[in-house]
Amino acid sequence: MSCLVYNQFNYLLNKFGYRLRALATGVLYQKCLRISSVSSGKYSLGEIVNLVSVDANRFSLLGI
Protein backbone atom coordinates (compact mmCIF):
# COMPACT_ATOMS: atom_id res chain seq x y z
CA MET A 1 0.00 0.00 0.00
CA SER A 2 2.78 2.45 0.85
CA CYS A 3 4.31 1.82 -2.57
CA LEU A 4 1.14 3.06 -4.27
CA VAL A 5 1.04 6.17 -2.11
CA TYR A 6 4.72 6.86 -2.75
CA ASN A 7 4.33 6.42 -6.52
CA GLN A 8 1.28 8.69 -6.63
CA PHE A 9 3.06 11.34 -4.57
CA ASN A 10 6.17 11.13 -6.75
CA TYR A 11 4.04 11.39 -9.91
CA LEU A 12 2.21 14.48 -8.67
CA LEU A 13 5.45 16.10 -7.54
CA ASN A 14 7.08 15.52 -10.93
CA LYS A 15 3.98 16.83 -12.70
CA PHE A 16 4.14 19.98 -10.58
CA GLY A 17 7.85 20.38 -11.39
CA TYR A 18 7.22 20.09 -15.12
CA ARG A 19 4.41 22.64 -14.99
CA LEU A 20 6.58 24.98 -12.95
CA ARG A 21 9.39 24.65 -15.48
CA ALA A 22 7.02 25.36 -18.38
CA LEU A 23 5.64 28.40 -16.57
CA ALA A 24 9.12 29.71 -15.75
CA THR A 25 10.32 29.18 -19.30
CA GLY A 26 7.33 31.10 -20.67
CA VAL A 27 7.78 34.00 -18.26
CA LEU A 28 11.51 34.20 -18.91
CA TYR A 29 10.96 34.00 -22.66
CA GLN A 30 8.48 36.88 -22.54
CA LYS A 31 10.96 38.91 -20.53
CA CYS A 32 13.66 38.21 -23.13
CA LEU A 33 11.35 39.54 -25.82
CA ARG A 34 10.96 42.79 -23.88
CA ILE A 35 14.70 43.40 -23.65
CA SER A 36 15.56 46.55 -25.53
CA SER A 37 17.77 46.36 -28.58
CA VAL A 38 20.49 48.31 -26.77
CA SER A 39 20.81 45.88 -23.90
CA SER A 40 20.32 42.80 -26.08
CA GLY A 41 23.58 43.67 -27.84
CA LYS A 42 25.43 42.83 -24.63
CA TYR A 43 24.51 39.15 -24.84
CA SER A 44 24.48 36.69 -27.69
CA LEU A 45 21.41 34.62 -28.46
CA GLY A 46 23.18 31.52 -27.13
CA GLU A 47 23.89 33.20 -23.79
CA ILE A 48 20.27 34.28 -23.43
CA VAL A 49 18.97 30.79 -24.24
CA ASN A 50 21.44 29.30 -21.77
CA LEU A 51 20.37 31.68 -19.00
CA VAL A 52 16.68 30.96 -19.61
CA SER A 53 17.32 27.22 -19.58
CA VAL A 54 19.34 27.34 -16.36
CA ASP A 55 16.79 29.52 -14.59
CA ALA A 56 13.90 27.31 -15.68
CA ASN A 57 15.77 24.24 -14.49
CA ARG A 58 16.34 25.83 -11.08
CA PHE A 59 12.63 26.57 -10.76
CA SER A 60 11.75 23.00 -11.69
CA LEU A 61 14.16 21.64 -9.07
CA LEU A 62 12.19 23.52 -6.41
CA GLY A 63 9.19 21.34 -7.19
CA ILE A 64 11.10 18.07 -6.96
C-alpha atoms as a PDB file:
ATOM      1  CA  MET A   1       0.000   0.000   0.000  1.00  0.00           C
ATOM      2  CA  SER A   2       2.778   2.446   0.848  1.00  0.00           C
ATOM      3  CA  CYS A   3       4.310   1.818  -2.569  1.00  0.00           C
ATOM      4  CA  LEU A   4       1.141   3.062  -4.268  1.00  0.00           C
ATOM      5  CA  VAL A   5       1.040   6.171  -2.110  1.00  0.00           C
ATOM      6  CA  TYR A   6       4.716   6.863  -2.755  1.00  0.00           C
ATOM      7  CA  ASN A   7       4.331   6.421  -6.519  1.00  0.00           C
ATOM      8  CA  GLN A   8       1.284   8.691  -6.632  1.00  0.00           C
ATOM      9  CA  PHE A   9       3.064  11.344  -4.565  1.00  0.00           C
ATOM     10  CA  ASN A  10       6.165  11.128  -6.752  1.00  0.00           C
ATOM     11  CA  TYR A  11       4.045  11.390  -9.913  1.00  0.00           C
ATOM     12  CA  LEU A  12       2.213  14.481  -8.667  1.00  0.00           C
ATOM     13  CA  LEU A  13       5.453  16.100  -7.539  1.00  0.00           C
ATOM     14  CA  ASN A  14       7.082  15.525 -10.926  1.00  0.00           C
ATOM     15  CA  LYS A  15       3.982  16.826 -12.695  1.00  0.00           C
ATOM     16  CA  PHE A  16       4.141  19.978 -10.576  1.00  0.00           C
ATOM     17  CA  GLY A  17       7.849  20.377 -11.391  1.00  0.00           C
ATOM     18  CA  TYR A  18       7.219  20.086 -15.125  1.00  0.00           C
ATOM     19  CA  ARG A  19       4.412  22.636 -14.986  1.00  0.00           C
ATOM     20  CA  LEU A  20       6.578  24.984 -12.950  1.00  0.00           C
ATOM     21  CA  ARG A  21       9.393  24.647 -15.477  1.00  0.00           C
ATOM     22  CA  ALA A  22       7.022  25.360 -18.380  1.00  0.00           C
ATOM     23  CA  LEU A  23       5.640  28.402 -16.570  1.00  0.00           C
ATOM     24  CA  ALA A  24       9.117  29.714 -15.746  1.00  0.00           C
ATOM     25  CA  THR A  25      10.315  29.176 -19.296  1.00  0.00           C
ATOM     26  CA  GLY A  26       7.329  31.097 -20.667  1.00  0.00           C
ATOM     27  CA  VAL A  27       7.781  33.998 -18.260  1.00  0.00           C
ATOM     28  CA  LEU A  28      11.514  34.204 -18.908  1.00  0.00           C
ATOM     29  CA  TYR A  29      10.959  33.999 -22.663  1.00  0.00           C
ATOM     30  CA  GLN A  30       8.480  36.881 -22.542  1.00  0.00           C
ATOM     31  CA  LYS A  31      10.965  38.909 -20.530  1.00  0.00           C
ATOM     32  CA  CYS A  32      13.657  38.211 -23.126  1.00  0.00           C
ATOM     33  CA  LEU A  33      11.345  39.539 -25.819  1.00  0.00           C
ATOM     34  CA  ARG A  34      10.961  42.794 -23.883  1.00  0.00           C
ATOM     35  CA  ILE A  35      14.702  43.404 -23.645  1.00  0.00           C
ATOM     36  CA  SER A  36      15.556  46.548 -25.530  1.00  0.00           C
ATOM     37  CA  SER A  37      17.767  46.359 -28.577  1.00  0.00           C
ATOM     38  CA  VAL A  38      20.490  48.308 -26.767  1.00  0.00           C
ATOM     39  CA  SER A  39      20.808  45.880 -23.902  1.00  0.00           C
ATOM     40  CA  SER A  40      20.317  42.802 -26.083  1.00  0.00           C
ATOM     41  CA  GLY A  41      23.582  43.669 -27.836  1.00  0.00           C
ATOM     42  CA  LYS A  42      25.426  42.825 -24.629  1.00  0.00           C
ATOM     43  CA  TYR A  43      24.508  39.151 -24.836  1.00  0.00           C
ATOM     44  CA  SER A  44      24.480  36.694 -27.694  1.00  0.00           C
ATOM     45  CA  LEU A  45      21.408  34.618 -28.462  1.00  0.00           C
ATOM     46  CA  GLY A  46      23.176  31.518 -27.129  1.00  0.00           C
ATOM     47  CA  GLU A  47      23.889  33.197 -23.793  1.00  0.00           C
ATOM     48  CA  ILE A  48      20.266  34.284 -23.428  1.00  0.00           C
ATOM     49  CA  VAL A  49      18.973  30.793 -24.240  1.00  0.00           C
ATOM     50  CA  ASN A  50      21.441  29.296 -21.768  1.00  0.00           C
ATOM     51  CA  LEU A  51      20.369  31.677 -18.995  1.00  0.00           C
ATOM     52  CA  VAL A  52      16.684  30.960 -19.606  1.00  0.00           C
ATOM     53  CA  SER A  53      17.324  27.219 -19.580  1.00  0.00           C
ATOM     54  CA  VAL A  54      19.345  27.338 -16.356  1.00  0.00           C
ATOM     55  CA  ASP A  55      16.791  29.525 -14.587  1.00  0.00           C
ATOM     56  CA  ALA A  56      13.898  27.314 -15.683  1.00  0.00           C
ATOM     57  CA  ASN A  57      15.771  24.242 -14.490  1.00  0.00           C
ATOM     58  CA  ARG A  58      16.343  25.830 -11.076  1.00  0.00           C
ATOM     59  CA  PHE A  59      12.632  26.565 -10.762  1.00  0.00           C
ATOM     60  CA  SER A  60      11.748  22.996 -11.692  1.00  0.00           C
ATOM     61  CA  LEU A  61      14.157  21.640  -9.070  1.00  0.00           C
ATOM     62  CA  LEU A  62      12.194  23.524  -6.414  1.00  0.00           C
ATOM     63  CA  GLY A  63       9.187  21.342  -7.189  1.00  0.00           C
ATOM     64  CA  ILE A  64      11.102  18.071  -6.956  1.00  0.00           C
END
